[in-house]
PDB file of N, CA and C in Angstrom:
ATOM      1  N   MET A   1      -8.465  28.951   6.370  1.00  0.00           N
ATOM      2  CA  MET A   1      -9.157  28.017   7.237  1.00  0.00           C
ATOM      3  C   MET A   1      -8.487  26.654   7.083  1.00  0.00           C
ATOM      4  N   LEU A   2      -8.191  26.038   8.185  1.00  0.00           N
ATOM      5  CA  LEU A   2      -7.624  24.693   8.192  1.00  0.00           C
ATOM      6  C   LEU A   2      -8.738  23.653   8.117  1.00  0.00           C
ATOM      7  N   LYS A   3      -8.364  22.444   7.713  1.00  0.00           N
ATOM      8  CA  LYS A   3      -9.365  21.379   7.629  1.00  0.00           C
ATOM      9  C   LYS A   3      -9.990  21.133   9.003  1.00  0.00           C
ATOM     10  N   SER A   4      -9.188  21.189  10.065  1.00  0.00           N
ATOM     11  CA  SER A   4      -9.728  20.980  11.407  1.00  0.00           C
ATOM     12  C   SER A   4     -10.721  22.083  11.785  1.00  0.00           C
ATOM     13  N   GLU A   5     -10.456  23.313  11.330  1.00  0.00           N
ATOM     14  CA  GLU A   5     -11.388  24.418  11.592  1.00  0.00           C
ATOM     15  C   GLU A   5     -12.685  24.223  10.812  1.00  0.00           C
ATOM     16  N   LEU A   6     -12.576  23.703   9.608  1.00  0.00           N
ATOM     17  CA  LEU A   6     -13.767  23.407   8.809  1.00  0.00           C
ATOM     18  C   LEU A   6     -14.615  22.354   9.510  1.00  0.00           C
ATOM     19  N   VAL A   7     -13.981  21.317  10.019  1.00  0.00           N
ATOM     20  CA  VAL A   7     -14.705  20.260  10.734  1.00  0.00           C
ATOM     21  C   VAL A   7     -15.399  20.840  11.958  1.00  0.00           C
ATOM     22  N   LEU A   8     -14.719  21.687  12.721  1.00  0.00           N
ATOM     23  CA  LEU A   8     -15.335  22.311  13.898  1.00  0.00           C
ATOM     24  C   LEU A   8     -16.522  23.182  13.519  1.00  0.00           C
ATOM     25  N   LYS A   9     -16.376  23.967  12.461  1.00  0.00           N
ATOM     26  CA  LYS A   9     -17.464  24.840  12.000  1.00  0.00           C
ATOM     27  C   LYS A   9     -18.688  24.016  11.591  1.00  0.00           C
ATOM     28  N   LEU A  10     -18.444  22.927  10.845  1.00  0.00           N
ATOM     29  CA  LEU A  10     -19.547  22.063  10.432  1.00  0.00           C
ATOM     30  C   LEU A  10     -20.182  21.374  11.636  1.00  0.00           C
ATOM     31  N   SER A  11     -19.376  21.038  12.639  1.00  0.00           N
ATOM     32  CA  SER A  11     -19.899  20.426  13.867  1.00  0.00           C
ATOM     33  C   SER A  11     -20.828  21.381  14.606  1.00  0.00           C
ATOM     34  N   GLU A  12     -20.441  22.656  14.636  1.00  0.00           N
ATOM     35  CA  GLU A  12     -21.278  23.666  15.294  1.00  0.00           C
ATOM     36  C   GLU A  12     -22.601  23.839  14.557  1.00  0.00           C
ATOM     37  N   GLN A  13     -22.558  23.765  13.235  1.00  0.00           N
ATOM     38  CA  GLN A  13     -23.760  23.955  12.428  1.00  0.00           C
ATOM     39  C   GLN A  13     -24.655  22.717  12.418  1.00  0.00           C
ATOM     40  N   ASN A  14     -24.094  21.569  12.781  1.00  0.00           N
ATOM     41  CA  ASN A  14     -24.835  20.304  12.756  1.00  0.00           C
ATOM     42  C   ASN A  14     -24.634  19.560  14.070  1.00  0.00           C
ATOM     43  N   PRO A  15     -25.229  20.055  15.161  1.00  0.00           N
ATOM     44  CA  PRO A  15     -24.998  19.440  16.479  1.00  0.00           C
ATOM     45  C   PRO A  15     -25.528  18.004  16.585  1.00  0.00           C
ATOM     46  N   HIS A  16     -26.376  17.595  15.657  1.00  0.00           N
ATOM     47  CA  HIS A  16     -26.923  16.241  15.686  1.00  0.00           C
ATOM     48  C   HIS A  16     -25.938  15.206  15.131  1.00  0.00           C
ATOM     49  N   LEU A  17     -24.814  15.669  14.542  1.00  0.00           N
ATOM     50  CA  LEU A  17     -23.799  14.764  14.002  1.00  0.00           C
ATOM     51  C   LEU A  17     -22.563  14.763  14.899  1.00  0.00           C
ATOM     52  N   TYR A  18     -21.913  13.613  14.976  1.00  0.00           N
ATOM     53  CA  TYR A  18     -20.673  13.528  15.735  1.00  0.00           C
ATOM     54  C   TYR A  18     -19.548  14.173  14.938  1.00  0.00           C
ATOM     55  N   GLN A  19     -18.611  14.802  15.654  1.00  0.00           N
ATOM     56  CA  GLN A  19     -17.492  15.467  15.009  1.00  0.00           C
ATOM     57  C   GLN A  19     -16.659  14.475  14.193  1.00  0.00           C
ATOM     58  N   ARG A  20     -16.470  13.264  14.696  1.00  0.00           N
ATOM     59  CA  ARG A  20     -15.670  12.266  13.965  1.00  0.00           C
ATOM     60  C   ARG A  20     -16.353  11.873  12.647  1.00  0.00           C
ATOM     61  N   ASP A  21     -17.699  11.850  12.646  1.00  0.00           N
ATOM     62  CA  ASP A  21     -18.426  11.539  11.412  1.00  0.00           C
ATOM     63  C   ASP A  21     -18.246  12.657  10.385  1.00  0.00           C
ATOM     64  N   ILE A  22     -18.290  13.892  10.848  1.00  0.00           N
ATOM     65  CA  ILE A  22     -18.088  15.034   9.955  1.00  0.00           C
ATOM     66  C   ILE A  22     -16.676  15.001   9.402  1.00  0.00           C
ATOM     67  N   GLU A  23     -15.706  14.637  10.233  1.00  0.00           N
ATOM     68  CA  GLU A  23     -14.327  14.544   9.770  1.00  0.00           C
ATOM     69  C   GLU A  23     -14.196  13.474   8.680  1.00  0.00           C
ATOM     70  N   HIS A  24     -14.877  12.341   8.840  1.00  0.00           N
ATOM     71  CA  HIS A  24     -14.864  11.291   7.824  1.00  0.00           C
ATOM     72  C   HIS A  24     -15.484  11.794   6.517  1.00  0.00           C
ATOM     73  N   ILE A  25     -16.562  12.562   6.631  1.00  0.00           N
ATOM     74  CA  ILE A  25     -17.237  13.102   5.449  1.00  0.00           C
ATOM     75  C   ILE A  25     -16.323  14.085   4.712  1.00  0.00           C
ATOM     76  N   VAL A  26     -15.693  15.001   5.459  1.00  0.00           N
ATOM     77  CA  VAL A  26     -14.792  15.984   4.844  1.00  0.00           C
ATOM     78  C   VAL A  26     -13.631  15.264   4.163  1.00  0.00           C
ATOM     79  N   ASN A  27     -13.048  14.276   4.844  1.00  0.00           N
ATOM     80  CA  ASN A  27     -11.942  13.514   4.249  1.00  0.00           C
ATOM     81  C   ASN A  27     -12.390  12.769   2.996  1.00  0.00           C
ATOM     82  N   ALA A  28     -13.606  12.227   3.020  1.00  0.00           N
ATOM     83  CA  ALA A  28     -14.128  11.505   1.860  1.00  0.00           C
ATOM     84  C   ALA A  28     -14.316  12.444   0.669  1.00  0.00           C
ATOM     85  N   ILE A  29     -14.847  13.626   0.916  1.00  0.00           N
ATOM     86  CA  ILE A  29     -15.052  14.601  -0.157  1.00  0.00           C
ATOM     87  C   ILE A  29     -13.718  15.030  -0.759  1.00  0.00           C
ATOM     88  N   LEU A  30     -12.770  15.407   0.100  1.00  0.00           N
ATOM     89  CA  LEU A  30     -11.472  15.851  -0.395  1.00  0.00           C
ATOM     90  C   LEU A  30     -10.715  14.720  -1.082  1.00  0.00           C
ATOM     91  N   GLY A  31     -10.829  13.506  -0.557  1.00  0.00           N
ATOM     92  CA  GLY A  31     -10.189  12.354  -1.172  1.00  0.00           C
ATOM     93  C   GLY A  31     -10.766  12.043  -2.536  1.00  0.00           C
ATOM     94  N   THR A  32     -12.084  12.161  -2.670  1.00  0.00           N
ATOM     95  CA  THR A  32     -12.744  11.913  -3.943  1.00  0.00           C
ATOM     96  C   THR A  32     -12.317  12.943  -4.989  1.00  0.00           C
ATOM     97  N   ILE A  33     -12.211  14.201  -4.581  1.00  0.00           N
ATOM     98  CA  ILE A  33     -11.743  15.246  -5.495  1.00  0.00           C
ATOM     99  C   ILE A  33     -10.312  14.958  -5.928  1.00  0.00           C
ATOM    100  N   ALA A  34      -9.444  14.606  -4.976  1.00  0.00           N
ATOM    101  CA  ALA A  34      -8.041  14.306  -5.294  1.00  0.00           C
ATOM    102  C   ALA A  34      -7.926  13.098  -6.225  1.00  0.00           C
ATOM    103  N   ASP A  35      -8.729  12.062  -5.972  1.00  0.00           N
ATOM    104  CA  ASP A  35      -8.702  10.870  -6.833  1.00  0.00           C
ATOM    105  C   ASP A  35      -9.136  11.211  -8.259  1.00  0.00           C
ATOM    106  N   ALA A  36     -10.170  12.032  -8.382  1.00  0.00           N
ATOM    107  CA  ALA A  36     -10.655  12.423  -9.704  1.00  0.00           C
ATOM    108  C   ALA A  36      -9.584  13.215 -10.451  1.00  0.00           C
ATOM    109  N   LEU A  37      -8.915  14.129  -9.756  1.00  0.00           N
ATOM    110  CA  LEU A  37      -7.856  14.914 -10.392  1.00  0.00           C
ATOM    111  C   LEU A  37      -6.687  14.020 -10.783  1.00  0.00           C
ATOM    112  N   ALA A  38      -6.364  13.029  -9.959  1.00  0.00           N
ATOM    113  CA  ALA A  38      -5.275  12.101 -10.270  1.00  0.00           C
ATOM    114  C   ALA A  38      -5.582  11.297 -11.533  1.00  0.00           C
ATOM    115  N   ARG A  39      -6.860  11.025 -11.788  1.00  0.00           N
ATOM    116  CA  ARG A  39      -7.272  10.327 -13.012  1.00  0.00           C
ATOM    117  C   ARG A  39      -7.305  11.267 -14.212  1.00  0.00           C
ATOM    118  N   GLY A  40      -7.159  12.564 -13.962  1.00  0.00           N
ATOM    119  CA  GLY A  40      -7.211  13.533 -15.049  1.00  0.00           C
ATOM    120  C   GLY A  40      -8.600  14.086 -15.284  1.00  0.00           C
ATOM    121  N   ASP A  41      -9.540  13.748 -14.399  1.00  0.00           N
ATOM    122  CA  ASP A  41     -10.912  14.238 -14.539  1.00  0.00           C
ATOM    123  C   ASP A  41     -11.022  15.687 -14.079  1.00  0.00           C
ATOM    124  N   ARG A  42     -12.092  16.313 -14.484  1.00  0.00           N
ATOM    125  CA  ARG A  42     -12.424  17.673 -14.067  1.00  0.00           C
ATOM    126  C   ARG A  42     -13.482  17.572 -12.977  1.00  0.00           C
ATOM    127  N   VAL A  43     -13.364  18.392 -11.935  1.00  0.00           N
ATOM    128  CA  VAL A  43     -14.336  18.393 -10.841  1.00  0.00           C
ATOM    129  C   VAL A  43     -14.987  19.762 -10.794  1.00  0.00           C
ATOM    130  N   GLU A  44     -16.313  19.786 -10.989  1.00  0.00           N
ATOM    131  CA  GLU A  44     -17.044  21.048 -10.983  1.00  0.00           C
ATOM    132  C   GLU A  44     -18.030  21.051  -9.827  1.00  0.00           C
ATOM    133  N   LEU A  45     -17.908  22.057  -8.961  1.00  0.00           N
ATOM    134  CA  LEU A  45     -18.839  22.246  -7.854  1.00  0.00           C
ATOM    135  C   LEU A  45     -19.598  23.528  -8.160  1.00  0.00           C
ATOM    136  N   ARG A  46     -20.822  23.386  -8.637  1.00  0.00           N
ATOM    137  CA  ARG A  46     -21.619  24.538  -9.079  1.00  0.00           C
ATOM    138  C   ARG A  46     -21.701  25.593  -7.984  1.00  0.00           C
ATOM    139  N   GLY A  47     -21.483  26.836  -8.362  1.00  0.00           N
ATOM    140  CA  GLY A  47     -21.553  27.948  -7.430  1.00  0.00           C
ATOM    141  C   GLY A  47     -20.269  28.142  -6.648  1.00  0.00           C
ATOM    142  N   PHE A  48     -19.352  27.169  -6.707  1.00  0.00           N
ATOM    143  CA  PHE A  48     -18.090  27.273  -5.964  1.00  0.00           C
ATOM    144  C   PHE A  48     -16.922  27.420  -6.922  1.00  0.00           C
ATOM    145  N   GLY A  49     -16.746  26.431  -7.803  1.00  0.00           N
ATOM    146  CA  GLY A  49     -15.649  26.520  -8.749  1.00  0.00           C
ATOM    147  C   GLY A  49     -15.341  25.184  -9.390  1.00  0.00           C
ATOM    148  N   THR A  50     -14.274  25.179 -10.185  1.00  0.00           N
ATOM    149  CA  THR A  50     -13.884  24.006 -10.944  1.00  0.00           C
ATOM    150  C   THR A  50     -12.415  23.690 -10.694  1.00  0.00           C
ATOM    151  N   PHE A  51     -12.145  22.417 -10.458  1.00  0.00           N
ATOM    152  CA  PHE A  51     -10.778  21.933 -10.322  1.00  0.00           C
ATOM    153  C   PHE A  51     -10.422  21.190 -11.605  1.00  0.00           C
ATOM    154  N   VAL A  52      -9.287  21.508 -12.182  1.00  0.00           N
ATOM    155  CA  VAL A  52      -8.795  20.796 -13.361  1.00  0.00           C
ATOM    156  C   VAL A  52      -7.297  20.550 -13.181  1.00  0.00           C
ATOM    157  N   VAL A  53      -6.772  19.628 -13.987  1.00  0.00           N
ATOM    158  CA  VAL A  53      -5.343  19.366 -13.987  1.00  0.00           C
ATOM    159  C   VAL A  53      -4.772  19.950 -15.268  1.00  0.00           C
ATOM    160  N   LYS A  54      -3.746  20.778 -15.126  1.00  0.00           N
ATOM    161  CA  LYS A  54      -3.086  21.358 -16.289  1.00  0.00           C
ATOM    162  C   LYS A  54      -1.684  20.758 -16.392  1.00  0.00           C
ATOM    163  N   LYS A  55      -1.220  20.643 -17.616  1.00  0.00           N
ATOM    164  CA  LYS A  55       0.100  20.073 -17.851  1.00  0.00           C
ATOM    165  C   LYS A  55       1.108  21.190 -18.054  1.00  0.00           C
ATOM    166  N   ARG A  56       2.234  21.095 -17.357  1.00  0.00           N
ATOM    167  CA  ARG A  56       3.349  22.019 -17.589  1.00  0.00           C
ATOM    168  C   ARG A  56       4.409  21.257 -18.379  1.00  0.00           C
ATOM    169  N   ASP A  57       4.804  21.814 -19.494  1.00  0.00           N
ATOM    170  CA  ASP A  57       5.793  21.159 -20.345  1.00  0.00           C
ATOM    171  C   ASP A  57       7.169  21.148 -19.681  1.00  0.00           C
ATOM    172  N   ALA A  58       7.998  20.232 -20.143  1.00  0.00           N
ATOM    173  CA  ALA A  58       9.383  20.187 -19.684  1.00  0.00           C
ATOM    174  C   ALA A  58      10.077  21.468 -20.150  1.00  0.00           C
ATOM    175  N   ARG A  59      11.052  21.915 -19.376  1.00  0.00           N
ATOM    176  CA  ARG A  59      11.747  23.156 -19.709  1.00  0.00           C
ATOM    177  C   ARG A  59      13.128  23.167 -19.072  1.00  0.00           C
ATOM    178  N   MET A  60      13.885  24.145 -19.407  1.00  0.00           N
ATOM    179  CA  MET A  60      15.176  24.326 -18.756  1.00  0.00           C
ATOM    180  C   MET A  60      14.991  25.359 -17.654  1.00  0.00           C
ATOM    181  N   GLY A  61      15.322  24.971 -16.442  1.00  0.00           N
ATOM    182  CA  GLY A  61      15.242  25.873 -15.306  1.00  0.00           C
ATOM    183  C   GLY A  61      16.630  26.352 -14.927  1.00  0.00           C
ATOM    184  N   ARG A  62      16.727  27.022 -13.796  1.00  0.00           N
ATOM    185  CA  ARG A  62      18.007  27.553 -13.344  1.00  0.00           C
ATOM    186  C   ARG A  62      18.143  27.308 -11.861  1.00  0.00           C
ATOM    187  N   ASN A  63      19.286  26.787 -11.455  1.00  0.00           N
ATOM    188  CA  ASN A  63      19.587  26.621 -10.041  1.00  0.00           C
ATOM    189  C   ASN A  63      19.866  28.008  -9.478  1.00  0.00           C
ATOM    190  N   PRO A  64      19.054  28.499  -8.529  1.00  0.00           N
ATOM    191  CA  PRO A  64      19.230  29.876  -8.047  1.00  0.00           C
ATOM    192  C   PRO A  64      20.555  30.090  -7.307  1.00  0.00           C
ATOM    193  N   ARG A  65      21.120  29.019  -6.756  1.00  0.00           N
ATOM    194  CA  ARG A  65      22.376  29.152  -6.022  1.00  0.00           C
ATOM    195  C   ARG A  65      23.573  29.305  -6.942  1.00  0.00           C
ATOM    196  N   THR A  66      23.602  28.445  -7.974  1.00  0.00           N
ATOM    197  CA  THR A  66      24.780  28.422  -8.845  1.00  0.00           C
ATOM    198  C   THR A  66      24.547  29.093 -10.191  1.00  0.00           C
ATOM    199  N   GLY A  67      23.292  29.280 -10.572  1.00  0.00           N
ATOM    200  CA  GLY A  67      22.989  29.849 -11.879  1.00  0.00           C
ATOM    201  C   GLY A  67      23.057  28.807 -12.989  1.00  0.00           C
ATOM    202  N   GLU A  68      23.363  27.577 -12.630  1.00  0.00           N
ATOM    203  CA  GLU A  68      23.498  26.497 -13.598  1.00  0.00           C
ATOM    204  C   GLU A  68      22.134  26.119 -14.175  1.00  0.00           C
ATOM    205  N   ALA A  69      22.088  25.847 -15.480  1.00  0.00           N
ATOM    206  CA  ALA A  69      20.855  25.420 -16.139  1.00  0.00           C
ATOM    207  C   ALA A  69      20.576  23.967 -15.761  1.00  0.00           C
ATOM    208  N   VAL A  70      19.333  23.686 -15.370  1.00  0.00           N
ATOM    209  CA  VAL A  70      18.944  22.325 -15.003  1.00  0.00           C
ATOM    210  C   VAL A  70      17.641  21.972 -15.718  1.00  0.00           C
ATOM    211  N   PRO A  71      17.530  20.721 -16.177  1.00  0.00           N
ATOM    212  CA  PRO A  71      16.286  20.326 -16.837  1.00  0.00           C
ATOM    213  C   PRO A  71      15.169  20.116 -15.807  1.00  0.00           C
ATOM    214  N   VAL A  72      13.990  20.614 -16.129  1.00  0.00           N
ATOM    215  CA  VAL A  72      12.805  20.423 -15.286  1.00  0.00           C
ATOM    216  C   VAL A  72      11.835  19.585 -16.102  1.00  0.00           C
ATOM    217  N   SER A  73      11.462  18.424 -15.562  1.00  0.00           N
ATOM    218  CA  SER A  73      10.585  17.524 -16.300  1.00  0.00           C
ATOM    219  C   SER A  73       9.158  18.056 -16.355  1.00  0.00           C
ATOM    220  N   GLU A  74       8.382  17.511 -17.293  1.00  0.00           N
ATOM    221  CA  GLU A  74       6.982  17.929 -17.389  1.00  0.00           C
ATOM    222  C   GLU A  74       6.234  17.436 -16.159  1.00  0.00           C
ATOM    223  N   LYS A  75       5.204  18.155 -15.791  1.00  0.00           N
ATOM    224  CA  LYS A  75       4.426  17.779 -14.608  1.00  0.00           C
ATOM    225  C   LYS A  75       2.983  18.227 -14.745  1.00  0.00           C
ATOM    226  N   ALA A  76       2.141  17.588 -13.965  1.00  0.00           N
ATOM    227  CA  ALA A  76       0.726  17.953 -13.898  1.00  0.00           C
ATOM    228  C   ALA A  76       0.514  18.765 -12.624  1.00  0.00           C
ATOM    229  N   VAL A  77      -0.214  19.869 -12.734  1.00  0.00           N
ATOM    230  CA  VAL A  77      -0.477  20.725 -11.582  1.00  0.00           C
ATOM    231  C   VAL A  77      -1.980  20.982 -11.466  1.00  0.00           C
ATOM    232  N   PRO A  78      -2.502  21.002 -10.236  1.00  0.00           N
ATOM    233  CA  PRO A  78      -3.926  21.299 -10.074  1.00  0.00           C
ATOM    234  C   PRO A  78      -4.184  22.788 -10.283  1.00  0.00           C
ATOM    235  N   HIS A  79      -5.346  23.087 -10.824  1.00  0.00           N
ATOM    236  CA  HIS A  79      -5.734  24.476 -11.057  1.00  0.00           C
ATOM    237  C   HIS A  79      -7.179  24.634 -10.599  1.00  0.00           C
ATOM    238  N   PHE A  80      -7.471  25.749  -9.932  1.00  0.00           N
ATOM    239  CA  PHE A  80      -8.827  26.029  -9.463  1.00  0.00           C
ATOM    240  C   PHE A  80      -9.309  27.325 -10.084  1.00  0.00           C
ATOM    241  N   LYS A  81     -10.510  27.291 -10.630  1.00  0.00           N
ATOM    242  CA  LYS A  81     -11.133  28.493 -11.175  1.00  0.00           C
ATOM    243  C   LYS A  81     -12.435  28.720 -10.419  1.00  0.00           C
ATOM    244  N   THR A  82     -12.593  29.906  -9.854  1.00  0.00           N
ATOM    245  CA  THR A  82     -13.792  30.192  -9.076  1.00  0.00           C
ATOM    246  C   THR A  82     -15.019  30.253  -9.972  1.00  0.00           C
ATOM    247  N   GLY A  83     -16.152  29.870  -9.405  1.00  0.00           N
ATOM    248  CA  GLY A  83     -17.417  29.937 -10.106  1.00  0.00           C
ATOM    249  C   GLY A  83     -18.002  31.332 -10.056  1.00  0.00           C
ATOM    250  N   LYS A  84     -19.014  31.560 -10.849  1.00  0.00           N
ATOM    251  CA  LYS A  84     -19.645  32.877 -10.946  1.00  0.00           C
ATOM    252  C   LYS A  84     -20.191  33.341  -9.590  1.00  0.00           C
ATOM    253  N   ASP A  85     -20.904  32.448  -8.889  1.00  0.00           N
ATOM    254  CA  ASP A  85     -21.480  32.817  -7.591  1.00  0.00           C
ATOM    255  C   ASP A  85     -20.392  33.181  -6.585  1.00  0.00           C
ATOM    256  N   MET A  86     -19.296  32.422  -6.598  1.00  0.00           N
ATOM    257  CA  MET A  86     -18.195  32.704  -5.670  1.00  0.00           C
ATOM    258  C   MET A  86     -17.555  34.048  -5.982  1.00  0.00           C
ATOM    259  N   LYS A  87     -17.356  34.344  -7.259  1.00  0.00           N
ATOM    260  CA  LYS A  87     -16.778  35.638  -7.647  1.00  0.00           C
ATOM    261  C   LYS A  87     -17.660  36.781  -7.167  1.00  0.00           C
ATOM    262  N   GLN A  88     -18.981  36.629  -7.352  1.00  0.00           N
ATOM    263  CA  GLN A  88     -19.900  37.676  -6.918  1.00  0.00           C
ATOM    264  C   GLN A  88     -19.854  37.849  -5.404  1.00  0.00           C
ATOM    265  N   ARG A  89     -19.760  36.740  -4.686  1.00  0.00           N
ATOM    266  CA  ARG A  89     -19.693  36.799  -3.221  1.00  0.00           C
ATOM    267  C   ARG A  89     -18.430  37.485  -2.741  1.00  0.00           C
ATOM    268  N   LEU A  90     -17.318  37.211  -3.407  1.00  0.00           N
ATOM    269  CA  LEU A  90     -16.040  37.800  -3.016  1.00  0.00           C
ATOM    270  C   LEU A  90     -15.953  39.270  -3.372  1.00  0.00           C
ATOM    271  N   ASN A  91     -16.675  39.686  -4.400  1.00  0.00           N
ATOM    272  CA  ASN A  91     -16.570  41.060  -4.888  1.00  0.00           C
ATOM    273  C   ASN A  91     -17.787  41.905  -4.554  1.00  0.00           C
ATOM    274  N   ARG A  92     -18.564  41.459  -3.571  1.00  0.00           N
ATOM    275  CA  ARG A  92     -19.712  42.247  -3.123  1.00  0.00           C
ATOM    276  C   ARG A  92     -19.234  43.569  -2.543  1.00  0.00           C
ATOM    277  N   PRO A  93     -19.901  44.658  -2.878  1.00  0.00           N
ATOM    278  CA  PRO A  93     -19.514  45.923  -2.233  1.00  0.00           C
ATOM    279  C   PRO A  93     -19.825  45.845  -0.745  1.00  0.00           C
ATOM    280  N   SER A  94     -18.858  46.200   0.060  1.00  0.00           N
ATOM    281  CA  SER A  94     -19.087  46.136   1.512  1.00  0.00           C
ATOM    282  C   SER A  94     -19.747  47.424   1.974  1.00  0.00           C
ATOM    283  N   ALA A  95     -20.380  47.340   3.133  1.00  0.00           N
ATOM    284  CA  ALA A  95     -21.072  48.501   3.697  1.00  0.00           C
ATOM    285  C   ALA A  95     -20.072  49.569   4.124  1.00  0.00           C
ATOM    286  N   ARG A  96     -18.790  49.145   4.366  1.00  0.00           N
ATOM    287  CA  ARG A  96     -17.782  50.087   4.830  1.00  0.00           C
ATOM    288  C   ARG A  96     -17.186  50.918   3.710  1.00  0.00           C
ATOM    289  N   SER A  97     -17.257  50.418   2.469  1.00  0.00           N
ATOM    290  CA  SER A  97     -16.609  51.179   1.393  1.00  0.00           C
ATOM    291  C   SER A  97     -17.430  52.424   1.087  1.00  0.00           C
ATOM    292  N   GLY A  98     -16.749  53.485   0.884  1.00  0.00           N
ATOM    293  CA  GLY A  98     -17.415  54.739   0.602  1.00  0.00           C
ATOM    294  C   GLY A  98     -16.399  55.818   0.351  1.00  0.00           C
ATOM    295  N   PRO A  99     -16.855  57.048   0.122  1.00  0.00           N
ATOM    296  CA  PRO A  99     -15.912  58.135  -0.179  1.00  0.00           C
ATOM    297  C   PRO A  99     -15.050  58.515   0.975  1.00  0.00           C
TER     298      PRO A  99
END
């Protein structure tokens, strides 16, 4: 789902709100999550999941074209872990599964 599709879906579910207002809200939520991760904070959305920043150490990589060893600096990468409710929702037995 794209962010624009999310905004449209929320607009359909909330006809009393303007689409541009919903877009501002979605951008504010995503921006707040990104800002928190940039500060190194953990973001937990109960029932959905947790966003954390993990550190990858510096290492020696390889240029796939030449095979030459190249240094790769340490970096911070975002990581998402699904919450219990989300896992249960994703792994619900469907009505179609059967022998």
